[in-house]
Amino acid sequence: MPTRRFLFALSVTNTPPFDEMLAEVAACVLGQAGYGREAIAEMLALLRETLARGAAQGLASCEVRFAAADDELSIAVVHAGGEAWRVARPLP
């Protein structure tokens, strides 16, 4: 089976901590990667918490990256002026 590889990144500036557009995009990327509803909901909850924590610290700008390589998908949030957050799961 060939390895699935991709990188999808969004730069988010001056938006609410987790708006509907970003939620829909993230759910679509995760669904296309093959995750089920339960796994998508878990990963969206982690993403939502991370973005809310950054917003609470006054970090409005960030980049959200979805990357698949070596049978693993990772989601990273890099806030301008803050620490990076990352979570990874095996691809289904």
PDB file of N, CA and C in Angstrom:
ATOM      1  N   MET A   1       0.848  -1.187   0.000  1.00  0.00           N
ATOM      2  CA  MET A   1       0.000   0.000   0.000  1.00  0.00           C
ATOM      3  C   MET A   1       0.883   1.238   0.000  1.00  0.00           C
ATOM      4  N   PRO A   2       0.644   2.195  -0.900  1.00  0.00           N
ATOM      5  CA  PRO A   2       1.460   3.407  -0.939  1.00  0.00           C
ATOM      6  C   PRO A   2       1.222   4.281   0.295  1.00  0.00           C
ATOM      7  N   THR A   3       2.251   4.978   0.681  1.00  0.00           N
ATOM      8  CA  THR A   3       2.147   5.896   1.811  1.00  0.00           C
ATOM      9  C   THR A   3       1.364   7.130   1.397  1.00  0.00           C
ATOM     10  N   ARG A   4       0.434   7.554   2.240  1.00  0.00           N
ATOM     11  CA  ARG A   4      -0.332   8.776   1.974  1.00  0.00           C
ATOM     12  C   ARG A   4       0.431   9.948   2.579  1.00  0.00           C
ATOM     13  N   ARG A   5       0.667  10.959   1.756  1.00  0.00           N
ATOM     14  CA  ARG A   5       1.391  12.136   2.218  1.00  0.00           C
ATOM     15  C   ARG A   5       0.647  13.388   1.763  1.00  0.00           C
ATOM     16  N   PHE A   6       0.486  14.331   2.675  1.00  0.00           N
ATOM     17  CA  PHE A   6      -0.036  15.639   2.296  1.00  0.00           C
ATOM     18  C   PHE A   6       0.269  16.638   3.389  1.00  0.00           C
ATOM     19  N   LEU A   7       0.212  17.894   3.023  1.00  0.00           N
ATOM     20  CA  LEU A   7       0.336  19.001   3.970  1.00  0.00           C
ATOM     21  C   LEU A   7      -0.716  20.023   3.585  1.00  0.00           C
ATOM     22  N   PHE A   8      -1.535  20.404   4.554  1.00  0.00           N
ATOM     23  CA  PHE A   8      -2.562  21.416   4.350  1.00  0.00           C
ATOM     24  C   PHE A   8      -2.428  22.389   5.504  1.00  0.00           C
ATOM     25  N   ALA A   9      -2.240  23.667   5.213  1.00  0.00           N
ATOM     26  CA  ALA A   9      -2.029  24.665   6.260  1.00  0.00           C
ATOM     27  C   ALA A   9      -2.918  25.870   6.034  1.00  0.00           C
ATOM     28  N   LEU A  10      -3.389  26.441   7.133  1.00  0.00           N
ATOM     29  CA  LEU A  10      -4.213  27.649   7.116  1.00  0.00           C
ATOM     30  C   LEU A  10      -3.594  28.677   8.041  1.00  0.00           C
ATOM     31  N   SER A  11      -3.521  29.901   7.585  1.00  0.00           N
ATOM     32  CA  SER A  11      -3.130  31.004   8.458  1.00  0.00           C
ATOM     33  C   SER A  11      -4.402  31.697   8.907  1.00  0.00           C
ATOM     34  N   VAL A  12      -4.550  31.840  10.212  1.00  0.00           N
ATOM     35  CA  VAL A  12      -5.752  32.431  10.784  1.00  0.00           C
ATOM     36  C   VAL A  12      -5.356  33.702  11.532  1.00  0.00           C
ATOM     37  N   THR A  13      -5.993  34.808  11.192  1.00  0.00           N
ATOM     38  CA  THR A  13      -5.683  36.085  11.816  1.00  0.00           C
ATOM     39  C   THR A  13      -6.960  36.771  12.270  1.00  0.00           C
ATOM     40  N   ASN A  14      -6.954  37.250  13.501  1.00  0.00           N
ATOM     41  CA  ASN A  14      -8.054  38.052  14.045  1.00  0.00           C
ATOM     42  C   ASN A  14      -9.426  37.407  13.853  1.00  0.00           C
ATOM     43  N   THR A  15      -9.522  36.138  14.215  1.00  0.00           N
ATOM     44  CA  THR A  15     -10.807  35.443  14.153  1.00  0.00           C
ATOM     45  C   THR A  15     -11.163  34.952  15.541  1.00  0.00           C
ATOM     46  N   PRO A  16     -12.417  34.591  15.754  1.00  0.00           N
ATOM     47  CA  PRO A  16     -12.767  33.993  17.043  1.00  0.00           C
ATOM     48  C   PRO A  16     -11.935  32.732  17.265  1.00  0.00           C
ATOM     49  N   PRO A  17     -11.842  32.255  18.498  1.00  0.00           N
ATOM     50  CA  PRO A  17     -10.965  31.123  18.782  1.00  0.00           C
ATOM     51  C   PRO A  17     -11.218  29.900  17.896  1.00  0.00           C
ATOM     52  N   PHE A  18     -12.430  29.598  17.563  1.00  0.00           N
ATOM     53  CA  PHE A  18     -12.687  28.421  16.735  1.00  0.00           C
ATOM     54  C   PHE A  18     -13.981  28.640  15.974  1.00  0.00           C
ATOM     55  N   ASP A  19     -13.901  29.328  14.855  1.00  0.00           N
ATOM     56  CA  ASP A  19     -15.110  29.649  14.109  1.00  0.00           C
ATOM     57  C   ASP A  19     -15.575  28.469  13.268  1.00  0.00           C
ATOM     58  N   GLU A  20     -16.788  28.572  12.757  1.00  0.00           N
ATOM     59  CA  GLU A  20     -17.408  27.482  12.016  1.00  0.00           C
ATOM     60  C   GLU A  20     -16.637  27.112  10.755  1.00  0.00           C
ATOM     61  N   MET A  21     -16.088  28.080  10.047  1.00  0.00           N
ATOM     62  CA  MET A  21     -15.334  27.772   8.832  1.00  0.00           C
ATOM     63  C   MET A  21     -14.153  26.859   9.130  1.00  0.00           C
ATOM     64  N   LEU A  22     -13.382  27.179  10.156  1.00  0.00           N
ATOM     65  CA  LEU A  22     -12.230  26.363  10.500  1.00  0.00           C
ATOM     66  C   LEU A  22     -12.676  24.973  10.954  1.00  0.00           C
ATOM     67  N   ALA A  23     -13.763  24.893  11.700  1.00  0.00           N
ATOM     68  CA  ALA A  23     -14.289  23.598  12.137  1.00  0.00           C
ATOM     69  C   ALA A  23     -14.680  22.740  10.942  1.00  0.00           C
ATOM     70  N   GLU A  24     -15.345  23.338   9.966  1.00  0.00           N
ATOM     71  CA  GLU A  24     -15.752  22.596   8.779  1.00  0.00           C
ATOM     72  C   GLU A  24     -14.557  22.149   7.955  1.00  0.00           C
ATOM     73  N   VAL A  25     -13.581  23.020   7.784  1.00  0.00           N
ATOM     74  CA  VAL A  25     -12.381  22.664   7.021  1.00  0.00           C
ATOM     75  C   VAL A  25     -11.645  21.518   7.717  1.00  0.00           C
ATOM     76  N   ALA A  26     -11.460  21.630   9.025  1.00  0.00           N
ATOM     77  CA  ALA A  26     -10.754  20.582   9.770  1.00  0.00           C
ATOM     78  C   ALA A  26     -11.503  19.254   9.684  1.00  0.00           C
ATOM     79  N   ALA A  27     -12.819  19.281   9.856  1.00  0.00           N
ATOM     80  CA  ALA A  27     -13.610  18.051   9.770  1.00  0.00           C
ATOM     81  C   ALA A  27     -13.512  17.431   8.380  1.00  0.00           C
ATOM     82  N   CYS A  28     -13.501  18.261   7.352  1.00  0.00           N
ATOM     83  CA  CYS A  28     -13.380  17.772   5.977  1.00  0.00           C
ATOM     84  C   CYS A  28     -12.017  17.122   5.745  1.00  0.00           C
ATOM     85  N   VAL A  29     -10.947  17.766   6.182  1.00  0.00           N
ATOM     86  CA  VAL A  29      -9.603  17.209   6.019  1.00  0.00           C
ATOM     87  C   VAL A  29      -9.503  15.873   6.753  1.00  0.00           C
ATOM     88  N   LEU A  30      -9.986  15.824   7.972  1.00  0.00           N
ATOM     89  CA  LEU A  30      -9.912  14.595   8.761  1.00  0.00           C
ATOM     90  C   LEU A  30     -10.775  13.488   8.154  1.00  0.00           C
ATOM     91  N   GLY A  31     -11.954  13.856   7.661  1.00  0.00           N
ATOM     92  CA  GLY A  31     -12.824  12.879   7.015  1.00  0.00           C
ATOM     93  C   GLY A  31     -12.197  12.329   5.743  1.00  0.00           C
ATOM     94  N   GLN A  32     -11.590  13.191   4.943  1.00  0.00           N
ATOM     95  CA  GLN A  32     -10.929  12.749   3.716  1.00  0.00           C
ATOM     96  C   GLN A  32      -9.731  11.852   4.026  1.00  0.00           C
ATOM     97  N   ALA A  33      -9.118  12.042   5.187  1.00  0.00           N
ATOM     98  CA  ALA A  33      -7.997  11.195   5.595  1.00  0.00           C
ATOM     99  C   ALA A  33      -8.480   9.828   6.063  1.00  0.00           C
ATOM    100  N   GLY A  34      -9.809   9.687   6.276  1.00  0.00           N
ATOM    101  CA  GLY A  34     -10.370   8.385   6.616  1.00  0.00           C
ATOM    102  C   GLY A  34     -10.830   8.204   8.047  1.00  0.00           C
ATOM    103  N   TYR A  35     -10.765   9.240   8.863  1.00  0.00           N
ATOM    104  CA  TYR A  35     -11.194   9.112  10.257  1.00  0.00           C
ATOM    105  C   TYR A  35     -12.716   9.077  10.346  1.00  0.00           C
ATOM    106  N   GLY A  36     -13.227   8.372  11.344  1.00  0.00           N
ATOM    107  CA  GLY A  36     -14.657   8.310  11.609  1.00  0.00           C
ATOM    108  C   GLY A  36     -15.114   9.483  12.450  1.00  0.00           C
ATOM    109  N   ARG A  37     -16.431   9.584  12.623  1.00  0.00           N
ATOM    110  CA  ARG A  37     -17.018  10.721  13.356  1.00  0.00           C
ATOM    111  C   ARG A  37     -16.469  10.877  14.764  1.00  0.00           C
ATOM    112  N   GLU A  38     -16.298   9.774  15.473  1.00  0.00           N
ATOM    113  CA  GLU A  38     -15.829   9.856  16.860  1.00  0.00           C
ATOM    114  C   GLU A  38     -14.403  10.407  16.935  1.00  0.00           C
ATOM    115  N   ALA A  39     -13.521   9.907  16.090  1.00  0.00           N
ATOM    116  CA  ALA A  39     -12.132  10.383  16.079  1.00  0.00           C
ATOM    117  C   ALA A  39     -12.069  11.843  15.650  1.00  0.00           C
ATOM    118  N   ILE A  40     -12.891  12.218  14.668  1.00  0.00           N
ATOM    119  CA  ILE A  40     -12.929  13.616  14.216  1.00  0.00           C
ATOM    120  C   ILE A  40     -13.383  14.515  15.362  1.00  0.00           C
ATOM    121  N   ALA A  41     -14.422  14.115  16.078  1.00  0.00           N
ATOM    122  CA  ALA A  41     -14.926  14.922  17.201  1.00  0.00           C
ATOM    123  C   ALA A  41     -13.850  15.090  18.275  1.00  0.00           C
ATOM    124  N   GLU A  42     -13.103  14.025  18.564  1.00  0.00           N
ATOM    125  CA  GLU A  42     -12.034  14.109  19.570  1.00  0.00           C
ATOM    126  C   GLU A  42     -10.939  15.078  19.144  1.00  0.00           C
ATOM    127  N   MET A  43     -10.510  14.967  17.880  1.00  0.00           N
ATOM    128  CA  MET A  43      -9.445  15.842  17.398  1.00  0.00           C
ATOM    129  C   MET A  43      -9.908  17.287  17.295  1.00  0.00           C
ATOM    130  N   LEU A  44     -11.172  17.511  16.895  1.00  0.00           N
ATOM    131  CA  LEU A  44     -11.696  18.885  16.845  1.00  0.00           C
ATOM    132  C   LEU A  44     -11.767  19.495  18.237  1.00  0.00           C
ATOM    133  N   ALA A  45     -12.118  18.687  19.237  1.00  0.00           N
ATOM    134  CA  ALA A  45     -12.175  19.194  20.616  1.00  0.00           C
ATOM    135  C   ALA A  45     -10.786  19.639  21.076  1.00  0.00           C
ATOM    136  N   LEU A  46      -9.763  18.848  20.770  1.00  0.00           N
ATOM    137  CA  LEU A  46      -8.392  19.231  21.132  1.00  0.00           C
ATOM    138  C   LEU A  46      -7.961  20.501  20.411  1.00  0.00           C
ATOM    139  N   LEU A  47      -8.304  20.591  19.140  1.00  0.00           N
ATOM    140  CA  LEU A  47      -7.972  21.786  18.361  1.00  0.00           C
ATOM    141  C   LEU A  47      -8.681  23.009  18.917  1.00  0.00           C
ATOM    142  N   ARG A  48      -9.949  22.849  19.239  1.00  0.00           N
ATOM    143  CA  ARG A  48     -10.750  23.951  19.795  1.00  0.00           C
ATOM    144  C   ARG A  48     -10.138  24.453  21.109  1.00  0.00           C
ATOM    145  N   GLU A  49      -9.739  23.513  21.985  1.00  0.00           N
ATOM    146  CA  GLU A  49      -9.130  23.887  23.267  1.00  0.00           C
ATOM    147  C   GLU A  49      -7.827  24.654  23.056  1.00  0.00           C
ATOM    148  N   THR A  50      -7.027  24.194  22.119  1.00  0.00           N
ATOM    149  CA  THR A  50      -5.742  24.840  21.846  1.00  0.00           C
ATOM    150  C   THR A  50      -5.935  26.256  21.327  1.00  0.00           C
ATOM    151  N   LEU A  51      -6.858  26.425  20.378  1.00  0.00           N
ATOM    152  CA  LEU A  51      -7.110  27.761  19.831  1.00  0.00           C
ATOM    153  C   LEU A  51      -7.711  28.695  20.882  1.00  0.00           C
ATOM    154  N   ALA A  52      -8.584  28.172  21.720  1.00  0.00           N
ATOM    155  CA  ALA A  52      -9.176  28.990  22.783  1.00  0.00           C
ATOM    156  C   ALA A  52      -8.112  29.420  23.795  1.00  0.00           C
ATOM    157  N   ARG A  53      -7.199  28.505  24.117  1.00  0.00           N
ATOM    158  CA  ARG A  53      -6.118  28.840  25.051  1.00  0.00           C
ATOM    159  C   ARG A  53      -5.233  29.943  24.466  1.00  0.00           C
ATOM    160  N   GLY A  54      -4.915  29.855  23.180  1.00  0.00           N
ATOM    161  CA  GLY A  54      -4.122  30.900  22.536  1.00  0.00           C
ATOM    162  C   GLY A  54      -4.851  32.231  22.529  1.00  0.00           C
ATOM    163  N   ALA A  55      -6.160  32.202  22.224  1.00  0.00           N
ATOM    164  CA  ALA A  55      -6.941  33.442  22.216  1.00  0.00           C
ATOM    165  C   ALA A  55      -6.984  34.063  23.611  1.00  0.00           C
ATOM    166  N   ALA A  56      -7.100  33.228  24.648  1.00  0.00           N
ATOM    167  CA  ALA A  56      -7.134  33.730  26.024  1.00  0.00           C
ATOM    168  C   ALA A  56      -5.818  34.400  26.410  1.00  0.00           C
ATOM    169  N   GLN A  57      -4.740  34.002  25.751  1.00  0.00           N
ATOM    170  CA  GLN A  57      -3.425  34.607  25.996  1.00  0.00           C
ATOM    171  C   GLN A  57      -3.169  35.799  25.079  1.00  0.00           C
ATOM    172  N   GLY A  58      -4.188  36.158  24.287  1.00  0.00           N
ATOM    173  CA  GLY A  58      -4.057  37.296  23.388  1.00  0.00           C
ATOM    174  C   GLY A  58      -3.328  36.976  22.097  1.00  0.00           C
ATOM    175  N   LEU A  59      -3.226  35.695  21.750  1.00  0.00           N
ATOM    176  CA  LEU A  59      -2.528  35.269  20.537  1.00  0.00           C
ATOM    177  C   LEU A  59      -3.565  35.022  19.441  1.00  0.00           C
ATOM    178  N   ALA A  60      -3.928  36.053  18.710  1.00  0.00           N
ATOM    179  CA  ALA A  60      -4.997  35.958  17.719  1.00  0.00           C
ATOM    180  C   ALA A  60      -4.545  35.320  16.419  1.00  0.00           C
ATOM    181  N   SER A  61      -3.286  35.452  16.060  1.00  0.00           N
ATOM    182  CA  SER A  61      -2.794  34.917  14.790  1.00  0.00           C
ATOM    183  C   SER A  61      -2.133  33.561  15.005  1.00  0.00           C
ATOM    184  N   CYS A  62      -2.436  32.621  14.104  1.00  0.00           N
ATOM    185  CA  CYS A  62      -1.790  31.324  14.179  1.00  0.00           C
ATOM    186  C   CYS A  62      -1.847  30.633  12.831  1.00  0.00           C
ATOM    187  N   GLU A  63      -1.080  29.571  12.731  1.00  0.00           N
ATOM    188  CA  GLU A  63      -1.135  28.702  11.565  1.00  0.00           C
ATOM    189  C   GLU A  63      -1.571  27.331  12.055  1.00  0.00           C
ATOM    190  N   VAL A  64      -2.532  26.740  11.351  1.00  0.00           N
ATOM    191  CA  VAL A  64      -3.004  25.394  11.655  1.00  0.00           C
ATOM    192  C   VAL A  64      -2.535  24.506  10.514  1.00  0.00           C
ATOM    193  N   ARG A  65      -1.786  23.453  10.852  1.00  0.00           N
ATOM    194  CA  ARG A  65      -1.221  22.563   9.828  1.00  0.00           C
ATOM    195  C   ARG A  65      -1.724  21.146  10.019  1.00  0.00           C
ATOM    196  N   PHE A  66      -2.158  20.537   8.933  1.00  0.00           N
ATOM    197  CA  PHE A  66      -2.528  19.138   8.893  1.00  0.00           C
ATOM    198  C   PHE A  66      -1.504  18.464   7.986  1.00  0.00           C
ATOM    199  N   ALA A  67      -0.782  17.478   8.498  1.00  0.00           N
ATOM    200  CA  ALA A  67       0.243  16.813   7.695  1.00  0.00           C
ATOM    201  C   ALA A  67       0.135  15.305   7.866  1.00  0.00           C
ATOM    202  N   ALA A  68       0.180  14.589   6.749  1.00  0.00           N
ATOM    203  CA  ALA A  68       0.174  13.138   6.782  1.00  0.00           C
ATOM    204  C   ALA A  68       1.480  12.644   6.184  1.00  0.00           C
ATOM    205  N   ALA A  69       2.109  11.726   6.893  1.00  0.00           N
ATOM    206  CA  ALA A  69       3.345  11.099   6.419  1.00  0.00           C
ATOM    207  C   ALA A  69       3.588   9.861   7.261  1.00  0.00           C
ATOM    208  N   ASP A  70       4.158   8.855   6.638  1.00  0.00           N
ATOM    209  CA  ASP A  70       4.532   7.639   7.359  1.00  0.00           C
ATOM    210  C   ASP A  70       3.369   7.059   8.156  1.00  0.00           C
ATOM    211  N   ASP A  71       2.198   7.005   7.542  1.00  0.00           N
ATOM    212  CA  ASP A  71       0.997   6.408   8.146  1.00  0.00           C
ATOM    213  C   ASP A  71       0.535   7.113   9.425  1.00  0.00           C
ATOM    214  N   GLU A  72       0.826   8.405   9.540  1.00  0.00           N
ATOM    215  CA  GLU A  72       0.421   9.198  10.701  1.00  0.00           C
ATOM    216  C   GLU A  72      -0.061  10.562  10.231  1.00  0.00           C
ATOM    217  N   LEU A  73      -1.100  11.062  10.863  1.00  0.00           N
ATOM    218  CA  LEU A  73      -1.564  12.423  10.594  1.00  0.00           C
ATOM    219  C   LEU A  73      -1.287  13.259  11.830  1.00  0.00           C
ATOM    220  N   SER A  74      -0.710  14.435  11.621  1.00  0.00           N
ATOM    221  CA  SER A  74      -0.478  15.338  12.750  1.00  0.00           C
ATOM    222  C   SER A  74      -1.193  16.652  12.488  1.00  0.00           C
ATOM    223  N   ILE A  75      -1.640  17.243  13.571  1.00  0.00           N
ATOM    224  CA  ILE A  75      -2.232  18.577  13.535  1.00  0.00           C
ATOM    225  C   ILE A  75      -1.342  19.439  14.411  1.00  0.00           C
ATOM    226  N   ALA A  76      -0.922  20.564  13.874  1.00  0.00           N
ATOM    227  CA  ALA A  76      -0.080  21.487  14.637  1.00  0.00           C
ATOM    228  C   ALA A  76      -0.710  22.869  14.609  1.00  0.00           C
ATOM    229  N   VAL A  77      -0.641  23.553  15.732  1.00  0.00           N
ATOM    230  CA  VAL A  77      -1.067  24.948  15.823  1.00  0.00           C
ATOM    231  C   VAL A  77       0.145  25.733  16.287  1.00  0.00           C
ATOM    232  N   VAL A  78       0.521  26.717  15.479  1.00  0.00           N
ATOM    233  CA  VAL A  78       1.670  27.553  15.803  1.00  0.00           C
ATOM    234  C   VAL A  78       1.158  28.981  15.934  1.00  0.00           C
ATOM    235  N   HIS A  79       1.099  29.471  17.164  1.00  0.00           N
ATOM    236  CA  HIS A  79       0.666  30.842  17.417  1.00  0.00           C
ATOM    237  C   HIS A  79       1.830  31.795  17.226  1.00  0.00           C
ATOM    238  N   ALA A  80       1.573  32.903  16.570  1.00  0.00           N
ATOM    239  CA  ALA A  80       2.598  33.935  16.436  1.00  0.00           C
ATOM    240  C   ALA A  80       2.914  34.458  17.838  1.00  0.00           C
ATOM    241  N   GLY A  81       4.133  34.331  18.261  1.00  0.00           N
ATOM    242  CA  GLY A  81       4.530  34.807  19.579  1.00  0.00           C
ATOM    243  C   GLY A  81       4.234  33.830  20.700  1.00  0.00           C
ATOM    244  N   GLY A  82       3.826  32.605  20.370  1.00  0.00           N
ATOM    245  CA  GLY A  82       3.518  31.624  21.408  1.00  0.00           C
ATOM    246  C   GLY A  82       4.122  30.281  21.083  1.00  0.00           C
ATOM    247  N   GLU A  83       3.837  29.323  21.929  1.00  0.00           N
ATOM    248  CA  GLU A  83       4.361  27.986  21.739  1.00  0.00           C
ATOM    249  C   GLU A  83       3.554  27.218  20.693  1.00  0.00           C
ATOM    250  N   ALA A  84       4.183  26.225  20.114  1.00  0.00           N
ATOM    251  CA  ALA A  84       3.508  25.356  19.154  1.00  0.00           C
ATOM    252  C   ALA A  84       2.855  24.194  19.908  1.00  0.00           C
ATOM    253  N   TRP A  85       1.745  23.736  19.387  1.00  0.00           N
ATOM    254  CA  TRP A  85       1.038  22.579  19.931  1.00  0.00           C
ATOM    255  C   TRP A  85       0.911  21.560  18.791  1.00  0.00           C
ATOM    256  N   ARG A  86       1.009  20.275  19.130  1.00  0.00           N
ATOM    257  CA  ARG A  86       0.931  19.235  18.111  1.00  0.00           C
ATOM    258  C   ARG A  86       0.286  17.989  18.695  1.00  0.00           C
ATOM    259  N   VAL A  87      -0.545  17.339  17.883  1.00  0.00           N
ATOM    260  CA  VAL A  87      -1.106  16.044  18.227  1.00  0.00           C
ATOM    261  C   VAL A  87      -0.991  15.176  16.984  1.00  0.00           C
ATOM    262  N   ALA A  88      -0.739  13.894  17.168  1.00  0.00           N
ATOM    263  CA  ALA A  88      -0.602  12.980  16.042  1.00  0.00           C
ATOM    264  C   ALA A  88      -1.375  11.698  16.322  1.00  0.00           C
ATOM    265  N   ARG A  89      -1.905  11.136  15.247  1.00  0.00           N
ATOM    266  CA  ARG A  89      -2.620   9.855  15.331  1.00  0.00           C
ATOM    267  C   ARG A  89      -2.277   9.021  14.115  1.00  0.00           C
ATOM    268  N   PRO A  90      -2.308   7.694  14.286  1.00  0.00           N
ATOM    269  CA  PRO A  90      -2.111   6.842  13.114  1.00  0.00           C
ATOM    270  C   PRO A  90      -3.240   7.070  12.111  1.00  0.00           C
ATOM    271  N   LEU A  91      -2.916   7.007  10.830  1.00  0.00           N
ATOM    272  CA  LEU A  91      -3.952   7.108   9.802  1.00  0.00           C
ATOM    273  C   LEU A  91      -4.780   5.828   9.816  1.00  0.00           C
ATOM    274  N   PRO A  92      -6.081   5.958   9.589  1.00  0.00           N
ATOM    275  CA  PRO A  92      -6.930   4.755   9.584  1.00  0.00           C
ATOM    276  C   PRO A  92      -6.617   3.848   8.397  1.00  0.00           C
TER     277      PRO A  92
END
